[in-house]
């Protein structure tokens, strides 16, 4: 069973069937610039990664709230110990 619905083309792809060399060059340049924008946009990529991590943490917290609370306490204790060790070594 096949579908005749058009498949959406990603912004970073060049459409097939372009015969005019100028139009083909424009399409390739547009796709290249879109690919550079996607790859070089670090704040957006970081935002997506942070959102994914938050979703994962929320799912973990829903599945096992006791372990999530323990992980938060362990992380806070680790940060506190690291700060204490840094301050102690700096003050000596």
PDB file of N, CA and C in Angstrom:
ATOM      1  N   UNK A   1       0.852  -1.171   0.000  1.00  0.00           N
ATOM      2  CA  UNK A   1       0.000   0.000   0.000  1.00  0.00           C
ATOM      3  C   UNK A   1       0.897   1.232   0.000  1.00  0.00           C
ATOM      4  N   UNK A   2       0.811   2.039  -1.029  1.00  0.00           N
ATOM      5  CA  UNK A   2       1.640   3.234  -1.130  1.00  0.00           C
ATOM      6  C   UNK A   2       0.767   4.474  -1.016  1.00  0.00           C
ATOM      7  N   UNK A   3       1.397   5.518  -0.583  1.00  0.00           N
ATOM      8  CA  UNK A   3       0.700   6.782  -0.415  1.00  0.00           C
ATOM      9  C   UNK A   3       1.226   7.777  -1.441  1.00  0.00           C
ATOM     10  N   UNK A   4       0.322   8.547  -2.025  1.00  0.00           N
ATOM     11  CA  UNK A   4       0.725   9.561  -2.997  1.00  0.00           C
ATOM     12  C   UNK A   4       0.952  10.911  -2.344  1.00  0.00           C
ATOM     13  N   UNK A   5       0.860  10.978  -1.032  1.00  0.00           N
ATOM     14  CA  UNK A   5       1.078  12.233  -0.320  1.00  0.00           C
ATOM     15  C   UNK A   5       2.548  12.609  -0.406  1.00  0.00           C
ATOM     16  N   UNK A   6       2.836  13.883  -0.658  1.00  0.00           N
ATOM     17  CA  UNK A   6       4.241  14.307  -0.740  1.00  0.00           C
ATOM     18  C   UNK A   6       4.928  14.218   0.613  1.00  0.00           C
ATOM     19  N   UNK A   7       6.159  13.789   0.574  1.00  0.00           N
ATOM     20  CA  UNK A   7       6.965  13.697   1.792  1.00  0.00           C
ATOM     21  C   UNK A   7       7.601  15.060   2.027  1.00  0.00           C
ATOM     22  N   UNK A   8       7.461  15.608   3.240  1.00  0.00           N
ATOM     23  CA  UNK A   8       8.070  16.925   3.480  1.00  0.00           C
ATOM     24  C   UNK A   8       9.587  16.857   3.354  1.00  0.00           C
ATOM     25  N   UNK A   9      10.135  17.863   2.720  1.00  0.00           N
ATOM     26  CA  UNK A   9      11.573  17.934   2.482  1.00  0.00           C
ATOM     27  C   UNK A   9      12.226  18.734   3.603  1.00  0.00           C
ATOM     28  N   UNK A  10      13.274  18.193   4.232  1.00  0.00           N
ATOM     29  CA  UNK A  10      13.954  18.960   5.278  1.00  0.00           C
ATOM     30  C   UNK A  10      14.563  20.248   4.715  1.00  0.00           C
ATOM     31  N   UNK A  11      14.774  21.213   5.612  1.00  0.00           N
ATOM     32  CA  UNK A  11      15.365  22.487   5.163  1.00  0.00           C
ATOM     33  C   UNK A  11      16.772  22.309   4.643  1.00  0.00           C
ATOM     34  N   UNK A  12      17.450  21.268   5.090  1.00  0.00           N
ATOM     35  CA  UNK A  12      18.854  21.080   4.714  1.00  0.00           C
ATOM     36  C   UNK A  12      19.026  20.161   3.507  1.00  0.00           C
ATOM     37  N   UNK A  13      17.956  19.873   2.792  1.00  0.00           N
ATOM     38  CA  UNK A  13      18.034  18.997   1.615  1.00  0.00           C
ATOM     39  C   UNK A  13      17.776  19.801   0.346  1.00  0.00           C
ATOM     40  N   UNK A  14      18.360  19.326  -0.747  1.00  0.00           N
ATOM     41  CA  UNK A  14      18.160  19.954  -2.049  1.00  0.00           C
ATOM     42  C   UNK A  14      17.119  19.141  -2.798  1.00  0.00           C
ATOM     43  N   UNK A  15      16.059  19.785  -3.304  1.00  0.00           N
ATOM     44  CA  UNK A  15      15.037  19.037  -4.039  1.00  0.00           C
ATOM     45  C   UNK A  15      15.603  18.416  -5.315  1.00  0.00           C
ATOM     46  N   UNK A  16      15.089  17.257  -5.660  1.00  0.00           N
ATOM     47  CA  UNK A  16      15.506  16.581  -6.882  1.00  0.00           C
ATOM     48  C   UNK A  16      14.737  17.148  -8.076  1.00  0.00           C
ATOM     49  N   UNK A  17      15.303  17.007  -9.236  1.00  0.00           N
ATOM     50  CA  UNK A  17      14.609  17.386 -10.468  1.00  0.00           C
ATOM     51  C   UNK A  17      14.810  18.825 -10.897  1.00  0.00           C
ATOM     52  N   UNK A  18      15.708  19.546 -10.298  1.00  0.00           N
ATOM     53  CA  UNK A  18      15.976  20.918 -10.726  1.00  0.00           C
ATOM     54  C   UNK A  18      16.937  20.847 -11.913  1.00  0.00           C
ATOM     55  N   UNK A  19      16.495  21.388 -13.056  1.00  0.00           N
ATOM     56  CA  UNK A  19      17.337  21.316 -14.257  1.00  0.00           C
ATOM     57  C   UNK A  19      18.098  22.604 -14.513  1.00  0.00           C
ATOM     58  N   UNK A  20      17.547  23.721 -14.086  1.00  0.00           N
ATOM     59  CA  UNK A  20      18.210  25.008 -14.298  1.00  0.00           C
ATOM     60  C   UNK A  20      19.425  25.109 -13.369  1.00  0.00           C
ATOM     61  N   UNK A  21      20.616  25.347 -13.925  1.00  0.00           N
ATOM     62  CA  UNK A  21      21.809  25.398 -13.068  1.00  0.00           C
ATOM     63  C   UNK A  21      21.775  26.520 -12.034  1.00  0.00           C
ATOM     64  N   UNK A  22      21.175  27.643 -12.380  1.00  0.00           N
ATOM     65  CA  UNK A  22      21.102  28.757 -11.430  1.00  0.00           C
ATOM     66  C   UNK A  22      20.172  28.394 -10.271  1.00  0.00           C
ATOM     67  N   UNK A  23      19.024  27.832 -10.589  1.00  0.00           N
ATOM     68  CA  UNK A  23      18.090  27.425  -9.539  1.00  0.00           C
ATOM     69  C   UNK A  23      18.684  26.321  -8.669  1.00  0.00           C
ATOM     70  N   UNK A  24      19.430  25.405  -9.294  1.00  0.00           N
ATOM     71  CA  UNK A  24      20.061  24.339  -8.533  1.00  0.00           C
ATOM     72  C   UNK A  24      21.122  24.906  -7.585  1.00  0.00           C
ATOM     73  N   UNK A  25      21.911  25.869  -8.076  1.00  0.00           N
ATOM     74  CA  UNK A  25      22.923  26.494  -7.221  1.00  0.00           C
ATOM     75  C   UNK A  25      22.272  27.245  -6.068  1.00  0.00           C
ATOM     76  N   UNK A  26      21.170  27.914  -6.327  1.00  0.00           N
ATOM     77  CA  UNK A  26      20.459  28.629  -5.264  1.00  0.00           C
ATOM     78  C   UNK A  26      19.914  27.651  -4.226  1.00  0.00           C
ATOM     79  N   UNK A  27      19.350  26.544  -4.702  1.00  0.00           N
ATOM     80  CA  UNK A  27      18.801  25.543  -3.783  1.00  0.00           C
ATOM     81  C   UNK A  27      19.912  24.927  -2.936  1.00  0.00           C
ATOM     82  N   UNK A  28      21.069  24.655  -3.549  1.00  0.00           N
ATOM     83  CA  UNK A  28      22.198  24.100  -2.795  1.00  0.00           C
ATOM     84  C   UNK A  28      22.725  25.098  -1.774  1.00  0.00           C
ATOM     85  N   UNK A  29      22.802  26.371  -2.160  1.00  0.00           N
ATOM     86  CA  UNK A  29      23.263  27.403  -1.222  1.00  0.00           C
ATOM     87  C   UNK A  29      22.287  27.549  -0.058  1.00  0.00           C
ATOM     88  N   UNK A  30      21.001  27.532  -0.366  1.00  0.00           N
ATOM     89  CA  UNK A  30      19.991  27.639   0.682  1.00  0.00           C
ATOM     90  C   UNK A  30      20.077  26.452   1.648  1.00  0.00           C
ATOM     91  N   UNK A  31      20.252  25.253   1.127  1.00  0.00           N
ATOM     92  CA  UNK A  31      20.372  24.066   1.970  1.00  0.00           C
ATOM     93  C   UNK A  31      21.652  24.114   2.803  1.00  0.00           C
ATOM     94  N   UNK A  32      22.736  24.592   2.195  1.00  0.00           N
ATOM     95  CA  UNK A  32      23.998  24.688   2.927  1.00  0.00           C
ATOM     96  C   UNK A  32      23.902  25.696   4.063  1.00  0.00           C
ATOM     97  N   UNK A  33      23.318  26.843   3.793  1.00  0.00           N
ATOM     98  CA  UNK A  33      23.159  27.853   4.841  1.00  0.00           C
ATOM     99  C   UNK A  33      22.247  27.358   5.961  1.00  0.00           C
ATOM    100  N   UNK A  34      21.199  26.622   5.604  1.00  0.00           N
ATOM    101  CA  UNK A  34      20.314  26.062   6.627  1.00  0.00           C
ATOM    102  C   UNK A  34      21.060  25.041   7.483  1.00  0.00           C
ATOM    103  N   UNK A  35      21.900  24.222   6.849  1.00  0.00           N
ATOM    104  CA  UNK A  35      22.670  23.228   7.603  1.00  0.00           C
ATOM    105  C   UNK A  35      23.670  23.908   8.538  1.00  0.00           C
ATOM    106  N   UNK A  36      24.301  24.969   8.067  1.00  0.00           N
ATOM    107  CA  UNK A  36      25.239  25.714   8.915  1.00  0.00           C
ATOM    108  C   UNK A  36      24.502  26.337  10.093  1.00  0.00           C
ATOM    109  N   UNK A  37      23.322  26.884   9.837  1.00  0.00           N
ATOM    110  CA  UNK A  37      22.539  27.499  10.911  1.00  0.00           C
ATOM    111  C   UNK A  37      22.136  26.463  11.959  1.00  0.00           C
ATOM    112  N   UNK A  38      21.726  25.293  11.502  1.00  0.00           N
ATOM    113  CA  UNK A  38      21.322  24.244  12.437  1.00  0.00           C
ATOM    114  C   UNK A  38      22.514  23.795  13.269  1.00  0.00           C
ATOM    115  N   UNK A  39      23.664  23.610  12.627  1.00  0.00           N
ATOM    116  CA  UNK A  39      24.841  23.100  13.334  1.00  0.00           C
ATOM    117  C   UNK A  39      25.480  24.167  14.228  1.00  0.00           C
ATOM    118  N   UNK A  40      25.479  25.416  13.805  1.00  0.00           N
ATOM    119  CA  UNK A  40      26.190  26.462  14.536  1.00  0.00           C
ATOM    120  C   UNK A  40      25.342  27.141  15.602  1.00  0.00           C
ATOM    121  N   UNK A  41      24.054  26.870  15.637  1.00  0.00           N
ATOM    122  CA  UNK A  41      23.181  27.527  16.602  1.00  0.00           C
ATOM    123  C   UNK A  41      23.285  26.801  17.949  1.00  0.00           C
ATOM    124  N   UNK A  42      24.372  27.055  18.652  1.00  0.00           N
ATOM    125  CA  UNK A  42      24.658  26.355  19.915  1.00  0.00           C
ATOM    126  C   UNK A  42      23.613  26.660  20.988  1.00  0.00           C
ATOM    127  N   UNK A  43      23.169  27.897  21.172  1.00  0.00           N
ATOM    128  CA  UNK A  43      22.163  28.127  22.209  1.00  0.00           C
ATOM    129  C   UNK A  43      20.877  27.330  21.978  1.00  0.00           C
ATOM    130  N   UNK A  44      20.456  27.214  20.750  1.00  0.00           N
ATOM    131  CA  UNK A  44      19.239  26.440  20.471  1.00  0.00           C
ATOM    132  C   UNK A  44      19.478  24.958  20.719  1.00  0.00           C
ATOM    133  N   UNK A  45      20.628  24.435  20.290  1.00  0.00           N
ATOM    134  CA  UNK A  45      20.937  23.034  20.521  1.00  0.00           C
ATOM    135  C   UNK A  45      21.042  22.745  22.009  1.00  0.00           C
ATOM    136  N   UNK A  46      21.648  23.668  22.754  1.00  0.00           N
ATOM    137  CA  UNK A  46      21.763  23.512  24.196  1.00  0.00           C
ATOM    138  C   UNK A  46      20.391  23.552  24.860  1.00  0.00           C
ATOM    139  N   UNK A  47      19.524  24.426  24.382  1.00  0.00           N
ATOM    140  CA  UNK A  47      18.174  24.521  24.913  1.00  0.00           C
ATOM    141  C   UNK A  47      17.411  23.215  24.704  1.00  0.00           C
ATOM    142  N   UNK A  48      17.566  22.610  23.548  1.00  0.00           N
ATOM    143  CA  UNK A  48      16.895  21.339  23.272  1.00  0.00           C
ATOM    144  C   UNK A  48      17.436  20.244  24.190  1.00  0.00           C
ATOM    145  N   UNK A  49      18.756  20.198  24.376  1.00  0.00           N
ATOM    146  CA  UNK A  49      19.356  19.193  25.259  1.00  0.00           C
ATOM    147  C   UNK A  49      18.882  19.379  26.706  1.00  0.00           C
ATOM    148  N   UNK A  50      18.805  20.625  27.162  1.00  0.00           N
ATOM    149  CA  UNK A  50      18.350  20.899  28.526  1.00  0.00           C
ATOM    150  C   UNK A  50      16.897  20.481  28.690  1.00  0.00           C
ATOM    151  N   UNK A  51      16.057  20.795  27.696  1.00  0.00           N
ATOM    152  CA  UNK A  51      14.650  20.391  27.763  1.00  0.00           C
ATOM    153  C   UNK A  51      14.514  18.871  27.815  1.00  0.00           C
ATOM    154  N   UNK A  52      15.335  18.163  27.036  1.00  0.00           N
ATOM    155  CA  UNK A  52      15.309  16.700  27.068  1.00  0.00           C
ATOM    156  C   UNK A  52      15.732  16.172  28.432  1.00  0.00           C
ATOM    157  N   UNK A  53      16.760  16.774  29.022  1.00  0.00           N
ATOM    158  CA  UNK A  53      17.219  16.345  30.343  1.00  0.00           C
ATOM    159  C   UNK A  53      16.164  16.613  31.409  1.00  0.00           C
ATOM    160  N   UNK A  54      15.479  17.730  31.313  1.00  0.00           N
ATOM    161  CA  UNK A  54      14.411  18.046  32.268  1.00  0.00           C
ATOM    162  C   UNK A  54      13.272  17.043  32.140  1.00  0.00           C
ATOM    163  N   UNK A  55      12.902  16.713  30.908  1.00  0.00           N
ATOM    164  CA  UNK A  55      11.846  15.710  30.707  1.00  0.00           C
ATOM    165  C   UNK A  55      12.250  14.358  31.284  1.00  0.00           C
ATOM    166  N   UNK A  56      13.504  13.972  31.074  1.00  0.00           N
ATOM    167  CA  UNK A  56      13.994  12.704  31.616  1.00  0.00           C
ATOM    168  C   UNK A  56      13.963  12.717  33.138  1.00  0.00           C
ATOM    169  N   UNK A  57      14.393  13.817  33.739  1.00  0.00           N
ATOM    170  CA  UNK A  57      14.382  13.921  35.204  1.00  0.00           C
ATOM    171  C   UNK A  57      12.955  13.884  35.746  1.00  0.00           C
ATOM    172  N   UNK A  58      12.038  14.540  35.068  1.00  0.00           N
ATOM    173  CA  UNK A  58      10.641  14.514  35.529  1.00  0.00           C
ATOM    174  C   UNK A  58      10.048  13.113  35.420  1.00  0.00           C
ATOM    175  N   UNK A  59      10.365  12.411  34.342  1.00  0.00           N
ATOM    176  CA  UNK A  59       9.885  11.032  34.204  1.00  0.00           C
ATOM    177  C   UNK A  59      10.452  10.156  35.316  1.00  0.00           C
ATOM    178  N   UNK A  60      11.744  10.323  35.610  1.00  0.00           N
ATOM    179  CA  UNK A  60      12.382   9.567  36.688  1.00  0.00           C
ATOM    180  C   UNK A  60      11.729   9.883  38.027  1.00  0.00           C
ATOM    181  N   UNK A  61      11.426  11.143  38.263  1.00  0.00           N
ATOM    182  CA  UNK A  61      10.807  11.561  39.518  1.00  0.00           C
ATOM    183  C   UNK A  61       9.401  10.983  39.644  1.00  0.00           C
ATOM    184  N   UNK A  62       8.662  10.895  38.546  1.00  0.00           N
ATOM    185  CA  UNK A  62       7.310  10.313  38.586  1.00  0.00           C
ATOM    186  C   UNK A  62       7.363   8.805  38.851  1.00  0.00           C
ATOM    187  N   UNK A  63       8.368   8.135  38.269  1.00  0.00           N
ATOM    188  CA  UNK A  63       8.468   6.686  38.430  1.00  0.00           C
ATOM    189  C   UNK A  63       8.956   6.298  39.829  1.00  0.00           C
ATOM    190  N   UNK A  64       9.916   7.015  40.362  1.00  0.00           N
ATOM    191  CA  UNK A  64      10.448   6.670  41.689  1.00  0.00           C
ATOM    192  C   UNK A  64      10.813   7.947  42.444  1.00  0.00           C
ATOM    193  N   UNK A  65       9.849   8.497  43.159  1.00  0.00           N
ATOM    194  CA  UNK A  65      10.105   9.757  43.869  1.00  0.00           C
ATOM    195  C   UNK A  65      11.136   9.632  44.986  1.00  0.00           C
ATOM    196  N   UNK A  66      11.216   8.484  45.643  1.00  0.00           N
ATOM    197  CA  UNK A  66      12.185   8.334  46.728  1.00  0.00           C
ATOM    198  C   UNK A  66      13.609   8.369  46.185  1.00  0.00           C
ATOM    199  N   UNK A  67      13.855   7.671  45.084  1.00  0.00           N
ATOM    200  CA  UNK A  67      15.194   7.692  44.483  1.00  0.00           C
ATOM    201  C   UNK A  67      15.542   9.082  43.962  1.00  0.00           C
ATOM    202  N   UNK A  68      14.548   9.787  43.425  1.00  0.00           N
ATOM    203  CA  UNK A  68      14.798  11.144  42.933  1.00  0.00           C
ATOM    204  C   UNK A  68      15.181  12.065  44.088  1.00  0.00           C
ATOM    205  N   UNK A  69      14.491  11.937  45.216  1.00  0.00           N
ATOM    206  CA  UNK A  69      14.827  12.756  46.389  1.00  0.00           C
ATOM    207  C   UNK A  69      16.229  12.410  46.886  1.00  0.00           C
ATOM    208  N   UNK A  70      16.556  11.131  46.889  1.00  0.00           N
ATOM    209  CA  UNK A  70      17.890  10.719  47.294  1.00  0.00           C
ATOM    210  C   UNK A  70      18.958  11.263  46.356  1.00  0.00           C
ATOM    211  N   UNK A  71      18.672  11.277  45.063  1.00  0.00           N
ATOM    212  CA  UNK A  71      19.633  11.815  44.093  1.00  0.00           C
ATOM    213  C   UNK A  71      19.846  13.308  44.303  1.00  0.00           C
ATOM    214  N   UNK A  72      18.786  14.032  44.615  1.00  0.00           N
ATOM    215  CA  UNK A  72      18.912  15.476  44.870  1.00  0.00           C
ATOM    216  C   UNK A  72      19.751  15.713  46.113  1.00  0.00           C
ATOM    217  N   UNK A  73      19.501  14.940  47.159  1.00  0.00           N
ATOM    218  CA  UNK A  73      20.276  15.092  48.404  1.00  0.00           C
ATOM    219  C   UNK A  73      21.742  14.754  48.163  1.00  0.00           C
ATOM    220  N   UNK A  74      22.002  13.685  47.418  1.00  0.00           N
ATOM    221  CA  UNK A  74      23.376  13.291  47.111  1.00  0.00           C
ATOM    222  C   UNK A  74      24.088  14.359  46.275  1.00  0.00           C
ATOM    223  N   UNK A  75      23.392  14.926  45.308  1.00  0.00           N
ATOM    224  CA  UNK A  75      23.992  15.977  44.483  1.00  0.00           C
ATOM    225  C   UNK A  75      24.300  17.213  45.323  1.00  0.00           C
ATOM    226  N   UNK A  76      23.377  17.593  46.198  1.00  0.00           N
ATOM    227  CA  UNK A  76      23.605  18.761  47.057  1.00  0.00           C
ATOM    228  C   UNK A  76      24.782  18.519  48.000  1.00  0.00           C
ATOM    229  N   UNK A  77      24.872  17.323  48.554  1.00  0.00           N
ATOM    230  CA  UNK A  77      25.988  17.000  49.450  1.00  0.00           C
ATOM    231  C   UNK A  77      27.311  17.009  48.696  1.00  0.00           C
ATOM    232  N   UNK A  78      27.304  16.516  47.462  1.00  0.00           N
ATOM    233  CA  UNK A  78      28.527  16.509  46.649  1.00  0.00           C
ATOM    234  C   UNK A  78      28.993  17.927  46.331  1.00  0.00           C
ATOM    235  N   UNK A  79      28.061  18.782  45.961  1.00  0.00           N
ATOM    236  CA  UNK A  79      28.415  20.177  45.668  1.00  0.00           C
ATOM    237  C   UNK A  79      28.923  20.855  46.933  1.00  0.00           C
ATOM    238  N   UNK A  80      28.260  20.621  48.052  1.00  0.00           N
ATOM    239  CA  UNK A  80      28.701  21.209  49.314  1.00  0.00           C
ATOM    240  C   UNK A  80      30.092  20.741  49.703  1.00  0.00           C
ATOM    241  N   UNK A  81      30.365  19.458  49.538  1.00  0.00           N
ATOM    242  CA  UNK A  81      31.690  18.930  49.870  1.00  0.00           C
ATOM    243  C   UNK A  81      32.757  19.502  48.942  1.00  0.00           C
ATOM    244  N   UNK A  82      32.427  19.651  47.666  1.00  0.00           N
ATOM    245  CA  UNK A  82      33.399  20.209  46.719  1.00  0.00           C
ATOM    246  C   UNK A  82      33.709  21.666  47.059  1.00  0.00           C
ATOM    247  N   UNK A  83      32.685  22.441  47.390  1.00  0.00           N
ATOM    248  CA  UNK A  83      32.904  23.839  47.764  1.00  0.00           C
ATOM    249  C   UNK A  83      33.712  23.916  49.054  1.00  0.00           C
ATOM    250  N   UNK A  84      33.373  23.090  50.026  1.00  0.00           N
ATOM    251  CA  UNK A  84      34.106  23.072  51.290  1.00  0.00           C
ATOM    252  C   UNK A  84      35.580  22.730  51.060  1.00  0.00           C
ATOM    253  N   UNK A  85      35.840  21.715  50.223  1.00  0.00           N
ATOM    254  CA  UNK A  85      37.221  21.308  49.953  1.00  0.00           C
ATOM    255  C   UNK A  85      37.984  22.426  49.228  1.00  0.00           C
ATOM    256  N   UNK A  86      37.342  23.097  48.296  1.00  0.00           N
ATOM    257  CA  UNK A  86      37.988  24.194  47.582  1.00  0.00           C
ATOM    258  C   UNK A  86      38.326  25.342  48.528  1.00  0.00           C
ATOM    259  N   UNK A  87      37.368  25.731  49.347  1.00  0.00           N
ATOM    260  CA  UNK A  87      37.594  26.845  50.274  1.00  0.00           C
ATOM    261  C   UNK A  87      38.667  26.489  51.281  1.00  0.00           C
ATOM    262  N   UNK A  88      38.642  25.260  51.765  1.00  0.00           N
ATOM    263  CA  UNK A  88      39.650  24.844  52.735  1.00  0.00           C
ATOM    264  C   UNK A  88      41.044  24.850  52.118  1.00  0.00           C
ATOM    265  N   UNK A  89      41.173  24.335  50.891  1.00  0.00           N
ATOM    266  CA  UNK A  89      42.499  24.323  50.250  1.00  0.00           C
ATOM    267  C   UNK A  89      42.951  25.729  49.876  1.00  0.00           C
ATOM    268  N   UNK A  90      42.029  26.616  49.565  1.00  0.00           N
ATOM    269  CA  UNK A  90      42.362  27.984  49.203  1.00  0.00           C
ATOM    270  C   UNK A  90      42.800  28.784  50.433  1.00  0.00           C
ATOM    271  N   UNK A  91      42.184  28.517  51.565  1.00  0.00           N
ATOM    272  CA  UNK A  91      42.474  29.305  52.766  1.00  0.00           C
ATOM    273  C   UNK A  91      43.770  28.867  53.451  1.00  0.00           C
ATOM    274  N   UNK A  92      44.313  27.747  53.108  1.00  0.00           N
ATOM    275  CA  UNK A  92      45.556  27.288  53.740  1.00  0.00           C
ATOM    276  C   UNK A  92      46.759  27.825  53.057  1.00  0.00           C
TER     277      UNK A  92
END
